């Protein structure tokens, strides 16, 4: 079990290092690299909301109040 965990952690570290090298090799703005990393972190943290049927009904009725273009 332990060798599998070590390989898994090693793979993740290698993947992150390669992504960083690729981003830096592309050149560009340092802010873009930071923002891409922040977006990647946020995507890992955000999960889908667990809406109940009552929640869906309220959201559906409120969406009718918005203009059609939105």
PDB file of N, CA and C in Angstrom:
ATOM      1  N   UNK A   1       0.827  -1.203   0.000  1.00  0.00           N
ATOM      2  CA  UNK A   1       0.000   0.000   0.000  1.00  0.00           C
ATOM      3  C   UNK A   1       0.866   1.260   0.000  1.00  0.00           C
ATOM      4  N   UNK A   2       1.941   1.219   0.799  1.00  0.00           N
ATOM      5  CA  UNK A   2       2.821   2.372   0.907  1.00  0.00           C
ATOM      6  C   UNK A   2       3.523   2.699  -0.420  1.00  0.00           C
ATOM      7  N   UNK A   3       4.018   1.692  -1.176  1.00  0.00           N
ATOM      8  CA  UNK A   3       4.648   2.020  -2.461  1.00  0.00           C
ATOM      9  C   UNK A   3       3.677   2.663  -3.439  1.00  0.00           C
ATOM     10  N   UNK A   4       2.422   2.261  -3.395  1.00  0.00           N
ATOM     11  CA  UNK A   4       1.416   2.858  -4.277  1.00  0.00           C
ATOM     12  C   UNK A   4       1.208   4.324  -3.916  1.00  0.00           C
ATOM     13  N   UNK A   5       1.162   4.626  -2.628  1.00  0.00           N
ATOM     14  CA  UNK A   5       0.993   6.008  -2.186  1.00  0.00           C
ATOM     15  C   UNK A   5       2.195   6.858  -2.576  1.00  0.00           C
ATOM     16  N   UNK A   6       3.396   6.296  -2.435  1.00  0.00           N
ATOM     17  CA  UNK A   6       4.603   7.035  -2.804  1.00  0.00           C
ATOM     18  C   UNK A   6       4.604   7.323  -4.300  1.00  0.00           C
ATOM     19  N   UNK A   7       4.240   6.318  -5.113  1.00  0.00           N
ATOM     20  CA  UNK A   7       4.155   6.530  -6.564  1.00  0.00           C
ATOM     21  C   UNK A   7       3.103   7.576  -6.913  1.00  0.00           C
ATOM     22  N   UNK A   8       1.988   7.534  -6.219  1.00  0.00           N
ATOM     23  CA  UNK A   8       0.915   8.491  -6.487  1.00  0.00           C
ATOM     24  C   UNK A   8       1.354   9.916  -6.160  1.00  0.00           C
ATOM     25  N   UNK A   9       1.981  10.098  -5.014  1.00  0.00           N
ATOM     26  CA  UNK A   9       2.459  11.429  -4.631  1.00  0.00           C
ATOM     27  C   UNK A   9       3.560  11.892  -5.573  1.00  0.00           C
ATOM     28  N   UNK A  10       4.451  10.979  -5.947  1.00  0.00           N
ATOM     29  CA  UNK A  10       5.503  11.313  -6.902  1.00  0.00           C
ATOM     30  C   UNK A  10       4.930  11.738  -8.245  1.00  0.00           C
ATOM     31  N   UNK A  11       3.894  11.034  -8.690  1.00  0.00           N
ATOM     32  CA  UNK A  11       3.236  11.390  -9.948  1.00  0.00           C
ATOM     33  C   UNK A  11       2.625  12.786  -9.870  1.00  0.00           C
ATOM     34  N   UNK A  12       1.955  13.092  -8.779  1.00  0.00           N
ATOM     35  CA  UNK A  12       1.334  14.410  -8.630  1.00  0.00           C
ATOM     36  C   UNK A  12       2.378  15.523  -8.608  1.00  0.00           C
ATOM     37  N   UNK A  13       3.473  15.287  -7.905  1.00  0.00           N
ATOM     38  CA  UNK A  13       4.540  16.290  -7.847  1.00  0.00           C
ATOM     39  C   UNK A  13       5.151  16.490  -9.236  1.00  0.00           C
ATOM     40  N   UNK A  14       5.406  15.394  -9.938  1.00  0.00           N
ATOM     41  CA  UNK A  14       5.973  15.485 -11.283  1.00  0.00           C
ATOM     42  C   UNK A  14       5.034  16.218 -12.228  1.00  0.00           C
ATOM     43  N   UNK A  15       3.750  15.913 -12.136  1.00  0.00           N
ATOM     44  CA  UNK A  15       2.762  16.569 -13.005  1.00  0.00           C
ATOM     45  C   UNK A  15       2.704  18.076 -12.743  1.00  0.00           C
ATOM     46  N   UNK A  16       2.702  18.460 -11.470  1.00  0.00           N
ATOM     47  CA  UNK A  16       2.668  19.877 -11.140  1.00  0.00           C
ATOM     48  C   UNK A  16       3.934  20.581 -11.610  1.00  0.00           C
ATOM     49  N   UNK A  17       5.077  19.929 -11.461  1.00  0.00           N
ATOM     50  CA  UNK A  17       6.334  20.523 -11.898  1.00  0.00           C
ATOM     51  C   UNK A  17       6.349  20.704 -13.414  1.00  0.00           C
ATOM     52  N   UNK A  18       5.870  19.704 -14.140  1.00  0.00           N
ATOM     53  CA  UNK A  18       5.815  19.821 -15.597  1.00  0.00           C
ATOM     54  C   UNK A  18       4.846  20.917 -16.044  1.00  0.00           C
ATOM     55  N   UNK A  19       3.706  21.036 -15.370  1.00  0.00           N
ATOM     56  CA  UNK A  19       2.768  22.110 -15.700  1.00  0.00           C
ATOM     57  C   UNK A  19       3.397  23.468 -15.459  1.00  0.00           C
ATOM     58  N   UNK A  20       4.146  23.609 -14.387  1.00  0.00           N
ATOM     59  CA  UNK A  20       4.815  24.872 -14.095  1.00  0.00           C
ATOM     60  C   UNK A  20       5.869  25.185 -15.150  1.00  0.00           C
ATOM     61  N   UNK A  21       6.640  24.184 -15.544  1.00  0.00           N
ATOM     62  CA  UNK A  21       7.660  24.387 -16.579  1.00  0.00           C
ATOM     63  C   UNK A  21       7.006  24.790 -17.896  1.00  0.00           C
ATOM     64  N   UNK A  22       5.915  24.139 -18.253  1.00  0.00           N
ATOM     65  CA  UNK A  22       5.220  24.474 -19.502  1.00  0.00           C
ATOM     66  C   UNK A  22       4.691  25.899 -19.443  1.00  0.00           C
ATOM     67  N   UNK A  23       4.077  26.288 -18.324  1.00  0.00           N
ATOM     68  CA  UNK A  23       3.545  27.644 -18.209  1.00  0.00           C
ATOM     69  C   UNK A  23       4.655  28.687 -18.284  1.00  0.00           C
ATOM     70  N   UNK A  24       5.768  28.397 -17.644  1.00  0.00           N
ATOM     71  CA  UNK A  24       6.877  29.342 -17.673  1.00  0.00           C
ATOM     72  C   UNK A  24       7.538  29.388 -19.052  1.00  0.00           C
ATOM     73  N   UNK A  25       7.571  28.260 -19.749  1.00  0.00           N
ATOM     74  CA  UNK A  25       8.176  28.215 -21.074  1.00  0.00           C
ATOM     75  C   UNK A  25       7.340  28.977 -22.100  1.00  0.00           C
ATOM     76  N   UNK A  26       6.052  29.041 -21.888  1.00  0.00           N
ATOM     77  CA  UNK A  26       5.184  29.781 -22.795  1.00  0.00           C
ATOM     78  C   UNK A  26       5.468  31.276 -22.738  1.00  0.00           C
ATOM     79  N   UNK A  27       6.124  31.683 -21.694  1.00  0.00           N
ATOM     80  CA  UNK A  27       6.399  33.109 -21.519  1.00  0.00           C
ATOM     81  C   UNK A  27       5.142  33.818 -21.040  1.00  0.00           C
ATOM     82  N   UNK A  28       5.068  35.089 -21.361  1.00  0.00           N
ATOM     83  CA  UNK A  28       3.879  35.832 -20.968  1.00  0.00           C
ATOM     84  C   UNK A  28       4.024  36.425 -19.589  1.00  0.00           C
ATOM     85  N   UNK A  29       2.929  36.810 -19.094  1.00  0.00           N
ATOM     86  CA  UNK A  29       2.854  37.547 -17.841  1.00  0.00           C
ATOM     87  C   UNK A  29       2.881  36.599 -16.650  1.00  0.00           C
ATOM     88  N   UNK A  30       3.563  36.971 -15.610  1.00  0.00           N
ATOM     89  CA  UNK A  30       3.592  36.171 -14.382  1.00  0.00           C
ATOM     90  C   UNK A  30       2.210  36.121 -13.752  1.00  0.00           C
ATOM     91  N   UNK A  31       1.445  37.198 -13.905  1.00  0.00           N
ATOM     92  CA  UNK A  31       0.092  37.210 -13.343  1.00  0.00           C
ATOM     93  C   UNK A  31      -0.770  36.127 -13.955  1.00  0.00           C
ATOM     94  N   UNK A  32      -0.572  35.850 -15.237  1.00  0.00           N
ATOM     95  CA  UNK A  32      -1.356  34.816 -15.893  1.00  0.00           C
ATOM     96  C   UNK A  32      -1.076  33.453 -15.273  1.00  0.00           C
ATOM     97  N   UNK A  33       0.176  33.206 -14.931  1.00  0.00           N
ATOM     98  CA  UNK A  33       0.546  31.929 -14.302  1.00  0.00           C
ATOM     99  C   UNK A  33      -0.128  31.819 -12.940  1.00  0.00           C
ATOM    100  N   UNK A  34      -0.085  32.892 -12.182  1.00  0.00           N
ATOM    101  CA  UNK A  34      -0.694  32.883 -10.854  1.00  0.00           C
ATOM    102  C   UNK A  34      -2.202  32.702 -10.960  1.00  0.00           C
ATOM    103  N   UNK A  35      -2.831  33.409 -11.891  1.00  0.00           N
ATOM    104  CA  UNK A  35      -4.280  33.296 -12.040  1.00  0.00           C
ATOM    105  C   UNK A  35      -4.694  31.903 -12.502  1.00  0.00           C
ATOM    106  N   UNK A  36      -3.935  31.317 -13.395  1.00  0.00           N
ATOM    107  CA  UNK A  36      -4.269  29.952 -13.832  1.00  0.00           C
ATOM    108  C   UNK A  36      -4.175  28.974 -12.674  1.00  0.00           C
ATOM    109  N   UNK A  37      -3.179  29.145 -11.834  1.00  0.00           N
ATOM    110  CA  UNK A  37      -3.042  28.266 -10.673  1.00  0.00           C
ATOM    111  C   UNK A  37      -4.209  28.464  -9.705  1.00  0.00           C
ATOM    112  N   UNK A  38      -4.594  29.714  -9.486  1.00  0.00           N
ATOM    113  CA  UNK A  38      -5.719  29.978  -8.594  1.00  0.00           C
ATOM    114  C   UNK A  38      -7.012  29.365  -9.132  1.00  0.00           C
ATOM    115  N   UNK A  39      -7.222  29.468 -10.423  1.00  0.00           N
ATOM    116  CA  UNK A  39      -8.421  28.869 -11.028  1.00  0.00           C
ATOM    117  C   UNK A  39      -8.390  27.355 -10.871  1.00  0.00           C
ATOM    118  N   UNK A  40      -7.223  26.754 -11.056  1.00  0.00           N
ATOM    119  CA  UNK A  40      -7.105  25.302 -10.891  1.00  0.00           C
ATOM    120  C   UNK A  40      -7.427  24.892  -9.458  1.00  0.00           C
ATOM    121  N   UNK A  41      -6.941  25.654  -8.499  1.00  0.00           N
ATOM    122  CA  UNK A  41      -7.218  25.351  -7.091  1.00  0.00           C
ATOM    123  C   UNK A  41      -8.710  25.500  -6.798  1.00  0.00           C
ATOM    124  N   UNK A  42      -9.317  26.560  -7.291  1.00  0.00           N
ATOM    125  CA  UNK A  42     -10.745  26.769  -7.043  1.00  0.00           C
ATOM    126  C   UNK A  42     -11.600  25.693  -7.707  1.00  0.00           C
ATOM    127  N   UNK A  43     -11.205  25.242  -8.875  1.00  0.00           N
ATOM    128  CA  UNK A  43     -11.966  24.170  -9.528  1.00  0.00           C
ATOM    129  C   UNK A  43     -11.937  22.893  -8.712  1.00  0.00           C
ATOM    130  N   UNK A  44     -10.836  22.643  -8.030  1.00  0.00           N
ATOM    131  CA  UNK A  44     -10.768  21.455  -7.189  1.00  0.00           C
ATOM    132  C   UNK A  44     -11.641  21.601  -5.948  1.00  0.00           C
ATOM    133  N   UNK A  45     -11.865  22.821  -5.470  1.00  0.00           N
ATOM    134  CA  UNK A  45     -12.597  23.027  -4.227  1.00  0.00           C
ATOM    135  C   UNK A  45     -14.104  23.105  -4.435  1.00  0.00           C
ATOM    136  N   UNK A  46     -14.525  23.594  -5.578  1.00  0.00           N
ATOM    137  CA  UNK A  46     -15.947  23.813  -5.809  1.00  0.00           C
ATOM    138  C   UNK A  46     -16.603  22.498  -6.196  1.00  0.00           C
ATOM    139  N   UNK A  47     -17.660  22.200  -5.525  1.00  0.00           N
ATOM    140  CA  UNK A  47     -18.421  21.014  -5.900  1.00  0.00           C
ATOM    141  C   UNK A  47     -19.850  21.438  -6.224  1.00  0.00           C
ATOM    142  N   UNK A  48     -20.580  20.571  -6.829  1.00  0.00           N
ATOM    143  CA  UNK A  48     -21.933  20.892  -7.250  1.00  0.00           C
ATOM    144  C   UNK A  48     -22.852  21.050  -6.036  1.00  0.00           C
ATOM    145  N   UNK A  49     -23.761  22.021  -6.131  1.00  0.00           N
ATOM    146  CA  UNK A  49     -24.699  22.253  -5.044  1.00  0.00           C
ATOM    147  C   UNK A  49     -25.717  21.125  -4.953  1.00  0.00           C
ATOM    148  N   UNK A  50     -26.120  20.812  -3.754  1.00  0.00           N
ATOM    149  CA  UNK A  50     -27.161  19.817  -3.540  1.00  0.00           C
ATOM    150  C   UNK A  50     -28.479  20.549  -3.335  1.00  0.00           C
ATOM    151  N   UNK A  51     -29.209  20.736  -4.440  1.00  0.00           N
ATOM    152  CA  UNK A  51     -30.481  21.449  -4.370  1.00  0.00           C
ATOM    153  C   UNK A  51     -31.614  20.463  -4.160  1.00  0.00           C
ATOM    154  N   UNK A  52     -32.525  20.843  -3.297  1.00  0.00           N
ATOM    155  CA  UNK A  52     -33.720  20.046  -3.079  1.00  0.00           C
ATOM    156  C   UNK A  52     -34.797  20.527  -4.042  1.00  0.00           C
ATOM    157  N   UNK A  53     -35.855  19.769  -4.225  1.00  0.00           N
ATOM    158  CA  UNK A  53     -36.918  20.179  -5.150  1.00  0.00           C
ATOM    159  C   UNK A  53     -37.516  21.554  -4.814  1.00  0.00           C
ATOM    160  N   UNK A  54     -37.627  21.877  -3.532  1.00  0.00           N
ATOM    161  CA  UNK A  54     -38.167  23.183  -3.145  1.00  0.00           C
ATOM    162  C   UNK A  54     -37.223  24.301  -3.580  1.00  0.00           C
ATOM    163  N   UNK A  55     -35.931  24.072  -3.448  1.00  0.00           N
ATOM    164  CA  UNK A  55     -34.950  25.057  -3.889  1.00  0.00           C
ATOM    165  C   UNK A  55     -35.047  25.283  -5.391  1.00  0.00           C
ATOM    166  N   UNK A  56     -35.200  24.203  -6.125  1.00  0.00           N
ATOM    167  CA  UNK A  56     -35.311  24.315  -7.582  1.00  0.00           C
ATOM    168  C   UNK A  56     -36.564  25.096  -7.985  1.00  0.00           C
ATOM    169  N   UNK A  57     -37.656  24.873  -7.267  1.00  0.00           N
ATOM    170  CA  UNK A  57     -38.905  25.578  -7.578  1.00  0.00           C
ATOM    171  C   UNK A  57     -38.760  27.077  -7.325  1.00  0.00           C
ATOM    172  N   UNK A  58     -38.120  27.438  -6.229  1.00  0.00           N
ATOM    173  CA  UNK A  58     -37.918  28.860  -5.922  1.00  0.00           C
ATOM    174  C   UNK A  58     -37.025  29.506  -6.971  1.00  0.00           C
ATOM    175  N   UNK A  59     -35.934  28.843  -7.336  1.00  0.00           N
ATOM    176  CA  UNK A  59     -35.034  29.397  -8.351  1.00  0.00           C
ATOM    177  C   UNK A  59     -35.721  29.514  -9.706  1.00  0.00           C
ATOM    178  N   UNK A  60     -36.554  28.536 -10.042  1.00  0.00           N
ATOM    179  CA  UNK A  60     -37.268  28.591 -11.318  1.00  0.00           C
ATOM    180  C   UNK A  60     -38.258  29.750 -11.335  1.00  0.00           C
ATOM    181  N   UNK A  61     -38.951  29.973 -10.227  1.00  0.00           N
ATOM    182  CA  UNK A  61     -39.908  31.074 -10.189  1.00  0.00           C
ATOM    183  C   UNK A  61     -39.203  32.429 -10.202  1.00  0.00           C
ATOM    184  N   UNK A  62     -38.067  32.525  -9.527  1.00  0.00           N
ATOM    185  CA  UNK A  62     -37.316  33.784  -9.532  1.00  0.00           C
ATOM    186  C   UNK A  62     -36.695  34.065 -10.894  1.00  0.00           C
ATOM    187  N   UNK A  63     -36.338  33.002 -11.621  1.00  0.00           N
ATOM    188  CA  UNK A  63     -35.737  33.212 -12.937  1.00  0.00           C
ATOM    189  C   UNK A  63     -36.738  33.811 -13.911  1.00  0.00           C
ATOM    190  N   UNK A  64     -38.028  33.615 -13.660  1.00  0.00           N
ATOM    191  CA  UNK A  64     -39.072  34.205 -14.526  1.00  0.00           C
ATOM    192  C   UNK A  64     -39.118  35.722 -14.397  1.00  0.00           C
ATOM    193  N   UNK A  65     -38.619  36.261 -13.282  1.00  0.00           N
ATOM    194  CA  UNK A  65     -38.626  37.700 -13.075  1.00  0.00           C
ATOM    195  C   UNK A  65     -37.512  38.414 -13.849  1.00  0.00           C
ATOM    196  N   UNK A  66     -36.488  37.674 -14.249  1.00  0.00           N
ATOM    197  CA  UNK A  66     -35.380  38.269 -14.990  1.00  0.00           C
ATOM    198  C   UNK A  66     -35.790  38.566 -16.429  1.00  0.00           C
ATOM    199  N   UNK A  67     -35.202  39.593 -17.008  1.00  0.00           N
ATOM    200  CA  UNK A  67     -35.479  39.843 -18.427  1.00  0.00           C
ATOM    201  C   UNK A  67     -35.035  38.658 -19.276  1.00  0.00           C
ATOM    202  N   UNK A  68     -35.684  38.460 -20.410  1.00  0.00           N
ATOM    203  CA  UNK A  68     -35.436  37.295 -21.249  1.00  0.00           C
ATOM    204  C   UNK A  68     -33.999  37.264 -21.790  1.00  0.00           C
ATOM    205  N   UNK A  69     -33.387  38.431 -21.974  1.00  0.00           N
ATOM    206  CA  UNK A  69     -32.032  38.478 -22.535  1.00  0.00           C
ATOM    207  C   UNK A  69     -31.007  37.886 -21.585  1.00  0.00           C
ATOM    208  N   UNK A  70     -31.272  37.824 -20.304  1.00  0.00           N
ATOM    209  CA  UNK A  70     -30.341  37.266 -19.340  1.00  0.00           C
ATOM    210  C   UNK A  70     -30.580  35.799 -19.210  1.00  0.00           C
TER     211      UNK A  70
END
